[in-house]
Amino acid sequence: MSAHCQLTGSKPAFGNKVSHSHRRTSRRFDPNIQRKRYWLPSEGRYVRLVLSAKGIKTVDAIGIEAAVARVRARGNRV
């Protein structure tokens, strides 16, 4: 599973790990990705989405129908 959110589009960010002696090595900041299953009443089936924690809160706020419409508008298959 790739580390990107289907709804918000958040992807890993890259930066530096800085040690106590201030040496810098490359690191990766991954979003908090979860697999979540929602009931989609208009289609009478469950859909499984790969969402970040912020994406899950967005679905709670706007509803699953609007969220699936946004995911499809981004070009992802649901």
PDB file of N, CA and C in Angstrom:
ATOM      1  N   MET A   1       0.852  -1.177   0.000  1.00  0.00           N
ATOM      2  CA  MET A   1       0.000   0.000   0.000  1.00  0.00           C
ATOM      3  C   MET A   1       0.892   1.233   0.000  1.00  0.00           C
ATOM      4  N   SER A   2       0.709   2.098  -0.980  1.00  0.00           N
ATOM      5  CA  SER A   2       1.516   3.309  -1.023  1.00  0.00           C
ATOM      6  C   SER A   2       1.018   4.295   0.026  1.00  0.00           C
ATOM      7  N   ALA A   3       1.923   5.089   0.531  1.00  0.00           N
ATOM      8  CA  ALA A   3       1.604   6.001   1.631  1.00  0.00           C
ATOM      9  C   ALA A   3       1.050   7.311   1.101  1.00  0.00           C
ATOM     10  N   HIS A   4      -0.158   7.262   0.491  1.00  0.00           N
ATOM     11  CA  HIS A   4      -0.814   8.515   0.122  1.00  0.00           C
ATOM     12  C   HIS A   4      -2.318   8.378   0.330  1.00  0.00           C
ATOM     13  N   CYS A   5      -2.937   9.495   0.659  1.00  0.00           N
ATOM     14  CA  CYS A   5      -4.357   9.548   0.978  1.00  0.00           C
ATOM     15  C   CYS A   5      -5.158   9.737  -0.308  1.00  0.00           C
ATOM     16  N   GLN A   6      -6.214   8.941  -0.494  1.00  0.00           N
ATOM     17  CA  GLN A   6      -7.032   9.051  -1.691  1.00  0.00           C
ATOM     18  C   GLN A   6      -7.871  10.322  -1.695  1.00  0.00           C
ATOM     19  N   LEU A   7      -8.186  10.855  -0.528  1.00  0.00           N
ATOM     20  CA  LEU A   7      -9.064  12.018  -0.442  1.00  0.00           C
ATOM     21  C   LEU A   7      -8.287  13.334  -0.431  1.00  0.00           C
ATOM     22  N   THR A   8      -7.319  13.456   0.457  1.00  0.00           N
ATOM     23  CA  THR A   8      -6.592  14.715   0.580  1.00  0.00           C
ATOM     24  C   THR A   8      -5.352  14.767  -0.292  1.00  0.00           C
ATOM     25  N   GLY A   9      -4.863  13.607  -0.720  1.00  0.00           N
ATOM     26  CA  GLY A   9      -3.684  13.570  -1.569  1.00  0.00           C
ATOM     27  C   GLY A   9      -2.377  13.748  -0.825  1.00  0.00           C
ATOM     28  N   SER A  10      -2.395  13.691   0.510  1.00  0.00           N
ATOM     29  CA  SER A  10      -1.155  13.877   1.258  1.00  0.00           C
ATOM     30  C   SER A  10      -0.220  12.700   1.010  1.00  0.00           C
ATOM     31  N   LYS A  11       1.059  13.015   0.783  1.00  0.00           N
ATOM     32  CA  LYS A  11       2.087  12.030   0.466  1.00  0.00           C
ATOM     33  C   LYS A  11       3.247  12.199   1.436  1.00  0.00           C
ATOM     34  N   PRO A  12       4.209  11.280   1.416  1.00  0.00           N
ATOM     35  CA  PRO A  12       5.366  11.448   2.284  1.00  0.00           C
ATOM     36  C   PRO A  12       6.148  12.718   1.952  1.00  0.00           C
ATOM     37  N   ALA A  13       6.656  13.348   2.985  1.00  0.00           N
ATOM     38  CA  ALA A  13       7.532  14.507   2.836  1.00  0.00           C
ATOM     39  C   ALA A  13       8.934  14.065   3.227  1.00  0.00           C
ATOM     40  N   PHE A  14       9.932  14.732   2.697  1.00  0.00           N
ATOM     41  CA  PHE A  14      11.309  14.347   2.967  1.00  0.00           C
ATOM     42  C   PHE A  14      12.048  15.488   3.645  1.00  0.00           C
ATOM     43  N   GLY A  15      12.986  15.112   4.496  1.00  0.00           N
ATOM     44  CA  GLY A  15      13.766  16.108   5.205  1.00  0.00           C
ATOM     45  C   GLY A  15      15.019  15.478   5.778  1.00  0.00           C
ATOM     46  N   ASN A  16      15.542  16.076   6.817  1.00  0.00           N
ATOM     47  CA  ASN A  16      16.763  15.589   7.448  1.00  0.00           C
ATOM     48  C   ASN A  16      16.523  15.214   8.893  1.00  0.00           C
ATOM     49  N   LYS A  17      17.160  14.105   9.303  1.00  0.00           N
ATOM     50  CA  LYS A  17      17.258  13.749  10.699  1.00  0.00           C
ATOM     51  C   LYS A  17      18.474  14.499  11.228  1.00  0.00           C
ATOM     52  N   VAL A  18      18.361  15.187  12.335  1.00  0.00           N
ATOM     53  CA  VAL A  18      19.495  15.938  12.878  1.00  0.00           C
ATOM     54  C   VAL A  18      19.849  15.321  14.223  1.00  0.00           C
ATOM     55  N   SER A  19      21.057  14.784  14.311  1.00  0.00           N
ATOM     56  CA  SER A  19      21.496  14.128  15.538  1.00  0.00           C
ATOM     57  C   SER A  19      21.937  15.155  16.580  1.00  0.00           C
ATOM     58  N   HIS A  20      22.310  14.648  17.751  1.00  0.00           N
ATOM     59  CA  HIS A  20      22.780  15.526  18.821  1.00  0.00           C
ATOM     60  C   HIS A  20      24.032  16.289  18.385  1.00  0.00           C
ATOM     61  N   SER A  21      24.885  15.635  17.602  1.00  0.00           N
ATOM     62  CA  SER A  21      26.108  16.291  17.126  1.00  0.00           C
ATOM     63  C   SER A  21      25.849  17.129  15.868  1.00  0.00           C
ATOM     64  N   HIS A  22      24.606  17.221  15.469  1.00  0.00           N
ATOM     65  CA  HIS A  22      24.147  18.027  14.341  1.00  0.00           C
ATOM     66  C   HIS A  22      24.518  17.453  12.980  1.00  0.00           C
ATOM     67  N   ARG A  23      24.804  16.152  12.910  1.00  0.00           N
ATOM     68  CA  ARG A  23      24.987  15.486  11.620  1.00  0.00           C
ATOM     69  C   ARG A  23      23.608  15.282  11.013  1.00  0.00           C
ATOM     70  N   ARG A  24      23.508  15.429   9.707  1.00  0.00           N
ATOM     71  CA  ARG A  24      22.214  15.327   9.041  1.00  0.00           C
ATOM     72  C   ARG A  24      22.184  14.110   8.135  1.00  0.00           C
ATOM     73  N   THR A  25      21.129  13.323   8.280  1.00  0.00           N
ATOM     74  CA  THR A  25      20.888  12.195   7.392  1.00  0.00           C
ATOM     75  C   THR A  25      19.464  12.300   6.887  1.00  0.00           C
ATOM     76  N   SER A  26      19.228  11.730   5.725  1.00  0.00           N
ATOM     77  CA  SER A  26      17.927  11.845   5.080  1.00  0.00           C
ATOM     78  C   SER A  26      16.873  11.035   5.824  1.00  0.00           C
ATOM     79  N   ARG A  27      15.664  11.553   5.889  1.00  0.00           N
ATOM     80  CA  ARG A  27      14.550  10.831   6.491  1.00  0.00           C
ATOM     81  C   ARG A  27      13.272  11.130   5.738  1.00  0.00           C
ATOM     82  N   ARG A  28      12.212  10.423   6.095  1.00  0.00           N
ATOM     83  CA  ARG A  28      10.932  10.515   5.405  1.00  0.00           C
ATOM     84  C   ARG A  28       9.824  10.696   6.440  1.00  0.00           C
ATOM     85  N   PHE A  29       8.958  11.681   6.236  1.00  0.00           N
ATOM     86  CA  PHE A  29       7.821  11.933   7.114  1.00  0.00           C
ATOM     87  C   PHE A  29       6.588  11.335   6.449  1.00  0.00           C
ATOM     88  N   ASP A  30       6.097  10.210   6.959  1.00  0.00           N
ATOM     89  CA  ASP A  30       4.938   9.541   6.370  1.00  0.00           C
ATOM     90  C   ASP A  30       3.649  10.074   6.978  1.00  0.00           C
ATOM     91  N   PRO A  31       2.590  10.238   6.168  1.00  0.00           N
ATOM     92  CA  PRO A  31       1.287  10.598   6.729  1.00  0.00           C
ATOM     93  C   PRO A  31       0.683   9.405   7.467  1.00  0.00           C
ATOM     94  N   ASN A  32      -0.235   9.682   8.361  1.00  0.00           N
ATOM     95  CA  ASN A  32      -0.884   8.643   9.161  1.00  0.00           C
ATOM     96  C   ASN A  32      -1.964   7.972   8.306  1.00  0.00           C
ATOM     97  N   ILE A  33      -1.586   6.936   7.552  1.00  0.00           N
ATOM     98  CA  ILE A  33      -2.472   6.287   6.587  1.00  0.00           C
ATOM     99  C   ILE A  33      -3.191   5.107   7.230  1.00  0.00           C
ATOM    100  N   GLN A  34      -4.504   5.052   7.015  1.00  0.00           N
ATOM    101  CA  GLN A  34      -5.354   3.971   7.525  1.00  0.00           C
ATOM    102  C   GLN A  34      -6.224   3.442   6.391  1.00  0.00           C
ATOM    103  N   ARG A  35      -6.576   2.157   6.460  1.00  0.00           N
ATOM    104  CA  ARG A  35      -7.562   1.594   5.532  1.00  0.00           C
ATOM    105  C   ARG A  35      -8.900   1.603   6.258  1.00  0.00           C
ATOM    106  N   LYS A  36      -9.915   2.193   5.637  1.00  0.00           N
ATOM    107  CA  LYS A  36     -11.203   2.355   6.305  1.00  0.00           C
ATOM    108  C   LYS A  36     -12.309   1.926   5.357  1.00  0.00           C
ATOM    109  N   ARG A  37     -13.294   1.225   5.890  1.00  0.00           N
ATOM    110  CA  ARG A  37     -14.410   0.736   5.093  1.00  0.00           C
ATOM    111  C   ARG A  37     -15.660   1.525   5.450  1.00  0.00           C
ATOM    112  N   TYR A  38     -16.353   2.023   4.434  1.00  0.00           N
ATOM    113  CA  TYR A  38     -17.574   2.809   4.638  1.00  0.00           C
ATOM    114  C   TYR A  38     -18.711   2.191   3.842  1.00  0.00           C
ATOM    115  N   TRP A  39     -19.923   2.289   4.371  1.00  0.00           N
ATOM    116  CA  TRP A  39     -21.119   1.869   3.658  1.00  0.00           C
ATOM    117  C   TRP A  39     -21.547   3.006   2.742  1.00  0.00           C
ATOM    118  N   LEU A  40     -21.694   2.708   1.449  1.00  0.00           N
ATOM    119  CA  LEU A  40     -22.104   3.696   0.457  1.00  0.00           C
ATOM    120  C   LEU A  40     -23.552   3.403   0.083  1.00  0.00           C
ATOM    121  N   PRO A  41     -24.522   4.121   0.690  1.00  0.00           N
ATOM    122  CA  PRO A  41     -25.935   3.777   0.493  1.00  0.00           C
ATOM    123  C   PRO A  41     -26.409   3.933  -0.949  1.00  0.00           C
ATOM    124  N   SER A  42     -25.863   4.892  -1.704  1.00  0.00           N
ATOM    125  CA  SER A  42     -26.342   5.108  -3.070  1.00  0.00           C
ATOM    126  C   SER A  42     -26.038   3.918  -3.975  1.00  0.00           C
ATOM    127  N   GLU A  43     -24.956   3.184  -3.678  1.00  0.00           N
ATOM    128  CA  GLU A  43     -24.594   2.027  -4.492  1.00  0.00           C
ATOM    129  C   GLU A  43     -24.905   0.710  -3.795  1.00  0.00           C
ATOM    130  N   GLY A  44     -25.342   0.781  -2.530  1.00  0.00           N
ATOM    131  CA  GLY A  44     -25.707  -0.424  -1.787  1.00  0.00           C
ATOM    132  C   GLY A  44     -24.529  -1.349  -1.531  1.00  0.00           C
ATOM    133  N   ARG A  45     -23.348  -0.792  -1.301  1.00  0.00           N
ATOM    134  CA  ARG A  45     -22.163  -1.615  -1.070  1.00  0.00           C
ATOM    135  C   ARG A  45     -21.178  -0.872  -0.181  1.00  0.00           C
ATOM    136  N   TYR A  46     -20.211  -1.627   0.313  1.00  0.00           N
ATOM    137  CA  TYR A  46     -19.122  -1.036   1.075  1.00  0.00           C
ATOM    138  C   TYR A  46     -18.018  -0.587   0.128  1.00  0.00           C
ATOM    139  N   VAL A  47     -17.347   0.494   0.485  1.00  0.00           N
ATOM    140  CA  VAL A  47     -16.148   0.923  -0.235  1.00  0.00           C
ATOM    141  C   VAL A  47     -15.008   0.987   0.769  1.00  0.00           C
ATOM    142  N   ARG A  48     -13.844   0.570   0.329  1.00  0.00           N
ATOM    143  CA  ARG A  48     -12.664   0.617   1.182  1.00  0.00           C
ATOM    144  C   ARG A  48     -11.761   1.726   0.657  1.00  0.00           C
ATOM    145  N   LEU A  49     -11.455   2.682   1.530  1.00  0.00           N
ATOM    146  CA  LEU A  49     -10.629   3.824   1.154  1.00  0.00           C
ATOM    147  C   LEU A  49      -9.331   3.804   1.946  1.00  0.00           C
ATOM    148  N   VAL A  50      -8.277   4.297   1.341  1.00  0.00           N
ATOM    149  CA  VAL A  50      -6.989   4.473   2.012  1.00  0.00           C
ATOM    150  C   VAL A  50      -6.897   5.956   2.338  1.00  0.00           C
ATOM    151  N   LEU A  51      -7.037   6.283   3.623  1.00  0.00           N
ATOM    152  CA  LEU A  51      -7.167   7.669   4.060  1.00  0.00           C
ATOM    153  C   LEU A  51      -6.143   8.006   5.126  1.00  0.00           C
ATOM    154  N   SER A  52      -5.768   9.270   5.174  1.00  0.00           N
ATOM    155  CA  SER A  52      -4.980   9.769   6.295  1.00  0.00           C
ATOM    156  C   SER A  52      -5.951  10.079   7.439  1.00  0.00           C
ATOM    157  N   ALA A  53      -5.413  10.347   8.610  1.00  0.00           N
ATOM    158  CA  ALA A  53      -6.261  10.678   9.758  1.00  0.00           C
ATOM    159  C   ALA A  53      -7.079  11.936   9.461  1.00  0.00           C
ATOM    160  N   LYS A  54      -6.468  12.909   8.774  1.00  0.00           N
ATOM    161  CA  LYS A  54      -7.191  14.115   8.385  1.00  0.00           C
ATOM    162  C   LYS A  54      -8.284  13.780   7.377  1.00  0.00           C
ATOM    163  N   GLY A  55      -8.024  12.832   6.478  1.00  0.00           N
ATOM    164  CA  GLY A  55      -9.028  12.400   5.507  1.00  0.00           C
ATOM    165  C   GLY A  55     -10.232  11.758   6.176  1.00  0.00           C
ATOM    166  N   ILE A  56     -10.004  10.985   7.241  1.00  0.00           N
ATOM    167  CA  ILE A  56     -11.102  10.361   7.978  1.00  0.00           C
ATOM    168  C   ILE A  56     -11.973  11.432   8.629  1.00  0.00           C
ATOM    169  N   LYS A  57     -11.335  12.464   9.186  1.00  0.00           N
ATOM    170  CA  LYS A  57     -12.094  13.565   9.796  1.00  0.00           C
ATOM    171  C   LYS A  57     -12.874  14.327   8.736  1.00  0.00           C
ATOM    172  N   THR A  58     -12.319  14.450   7.538  1.00  0.00           N
ATOM    173  CA  THR A  58     -13.015  15.122   6.441  1.00  0.00           C
ATOM    174  C   THR A  58     -14.255  14.343   6.033  1.00  0.00           C
ATOM    175  N   VAL A  59     -14.143  13.006   5.955  1.00  0.00           N
ATOM    176  CA  VAL A  59     -15.301  12.168   5.627  1.00  0.00           C
ATOM    177  C   VAL A  59     -16.387  12.334   6.695  1.00  0.00           C
ATOM    178  N   ASP A  60     -15.986  12.396   7.962  1.00  0.00           N
ATOM    179  CA  ASP A  60     -16.960  12.597   9.038  1.00  0.00           C
ATOM    180  C   ASP A  60     -17.674  13.939   8.898  1.00  0.00           C
ATOM    181  N   ALA A  61     -16.964  14.950   8.402  1.00  0.00           N
ATOM    182  CA  ALA A  61     -17.548  16.288   8.299  1.00  0.00           C
ATOM    183  C   ALA A  61     -18.446  16.437   7.074  1.00  0.00           C
ATOM    184  N   ILE A  62     -18.005  15.941   5.901  1.00  0.00           N
ATOM    185  CA  ILE A  62     -18.763  16.192   4.666  1.00  0.00           C
ATOM    186  C   ILE A  62     -19.654  15.030   4.255  1.00  0.00           C
ATOM    187  N   GLY A  63     -19.435  13.852   4.833  1.00  0.00           N
ATOM    188  CA  GLY A  63     -20.242  12.690   4.486  1.00  0.00           C
ATOM    189  C   GLY A  63     -19.546  11.828   3.441  1.00  0.00           C
ATOM    190  N   ILE A  64     -19.911  10.552   3.413  1.00  0.00           N
ATOM    191  CA  ILE A  64     -19.234   9.603   2.538  1.00  0.00           C
ATOM    192  C   ILE A  64     -19.569   9.833   1.069  1.00  0.00           C
ATOM    193  N   GLU A  65     -20.798  10.261   0.758  1.00  0.00           N
ATOM    194  CA  GLU A  65     -21.175  10.475  -0.648  1.00  0.00           C
ATOM    195  C   GLU A  65     -20.316  11.586  -1.280  1.00  0.00           C
ATOM    196  N   ALA A  66     -20.176  12.704  -0.574  1.00  0.00           N
ATOM    197  CA  ALA A  66     -19.370  13.814  -1.079  1.00  0.00           C
ATOM    198  C   ALA A  66     -17.899  13.433  -1.136  1.00  0.00           C
ATOM    199  N   ALA A  67     -17.446  12.643  -0.157  1.00  0.00           N
ATOM    200  CA  ALA A  67     -16.050  12.225  -0.134  1.00  0.00           C
ATOM    201  C   ALA A  67     -15.733  11.311  -1.314  1.00  0.00           C
ATOM    202  N   VAL A  68     -16.622  10.375  -1.621  1.00  0.00           N
ATOM    203  CA  VAL A  68     -16.408   9.481  -2.761  1.00  0.00           C
ATOM    204  C   VAL A  68     -16.433  10.275  -4.062  1.00  0.00           C
ATOM    205  N   ALA A  69     -17.289  11.288  -4.138  1.00  0.00           N
ATOM    206  CA  ALA A  69     -17.313  12.140  -5.329  1.00  0.00           C
ATOM    207  C   ALA A  69     -15.971  12.857  -5.503  1.00  0.00           C
ATOM    208  N   ARG A  70     -15.367  13.330  -4.404  1.00  0.00           N
ATOM    209  CA  ARG A  70     -14.060  13.995  -4.476  1.00  0.00           C
ATOM    210  C   ARG A  70     -12.956  13.023  -4.884  1.00  0.00           C
ATOM    211  N   VAL A  71     -13.030  11.788  -4.344  1.00  0.00           N
ATOM    212  CA  VAL A  71     -12.021  10.779  -4.686  1.00  0.00           C
ATOM    213  C   VAL A  71     -12.105  10.463  -6.178  1.00  0.00           C
ATOM    214  N   ARG A  72     -13.315  10.326  -6.700  1.00  0.00           N
ATOM    215  CA  ARG A  72     -13.489  10.050  -8.121  1.00  0.00           C
ATOM    216  C   ARG A  72     -13.062  11.237  -8.977  1.00  0.00           C
ATOM    217  N   ALA A  73     -13.262  12.450  -8.479  1.00  0.00           N
ATOM    218  CA  ALA A  73     -12.836  13.635  -9.212  1.00  0.00           C
ATOM    219  C   ALA A  73     -11.314  13.709  -9.308  1.00  0.00           C
ATOM    220  N   ARG A  74     -10.621  13.142  -8.313  1.00  0.00           N
ATOM    221  CA  ARG A  74      -9.157  13.090  -8.345  1.00  0.00           C
ATOM    222  C   ARG A  74      -8.649  12.039  -9.326  1.00  0.00           C
ATOM    223  N   GLY A  75      -9.555  11.208  -9.825  1.00  0.00           N
ATOM    224  CA  GLY A  75      -9.174  10.190 -10.804  1.00  0.00           C
ATOM    225  C   GLY A  75      -8.928   8.823 -10.214  1.00  0.00           C
ATOM    226  N   ASN A  76      -9.241   8.637  -8.941  1.00  0.00           N
ATOM    227  CA  ASN A  76      -9.071   7.331  -8.308  1.00  0.00           C
ATOM    228  C   ASN A  76     -10.325   6.491  -8.473  1.00  0.00           C
ATOM    229  N   ARG A  77     -10.133   5.201  -8.630  1.00  0.00           N
ATOM    230  CA  ARG A  77     -11.262   4.265  -8.770  1.00  0.00           C
ATOM    231  C   ARG A  77     -11.724   3.842  -7.390  1.00  0.00           C
ATOM    232  N   VAL A  78     -13.043   3.830  -7.169  1.00  0.00           N
ATOM    233  CA  VAL A  78     -13.594   3.430  -5.874  1.00  0.00           C
ATOM    234  C   VAL A  78     -14.461   2.212  -6.092  1.00  0.00           C
TER     235      VAL A  78
END
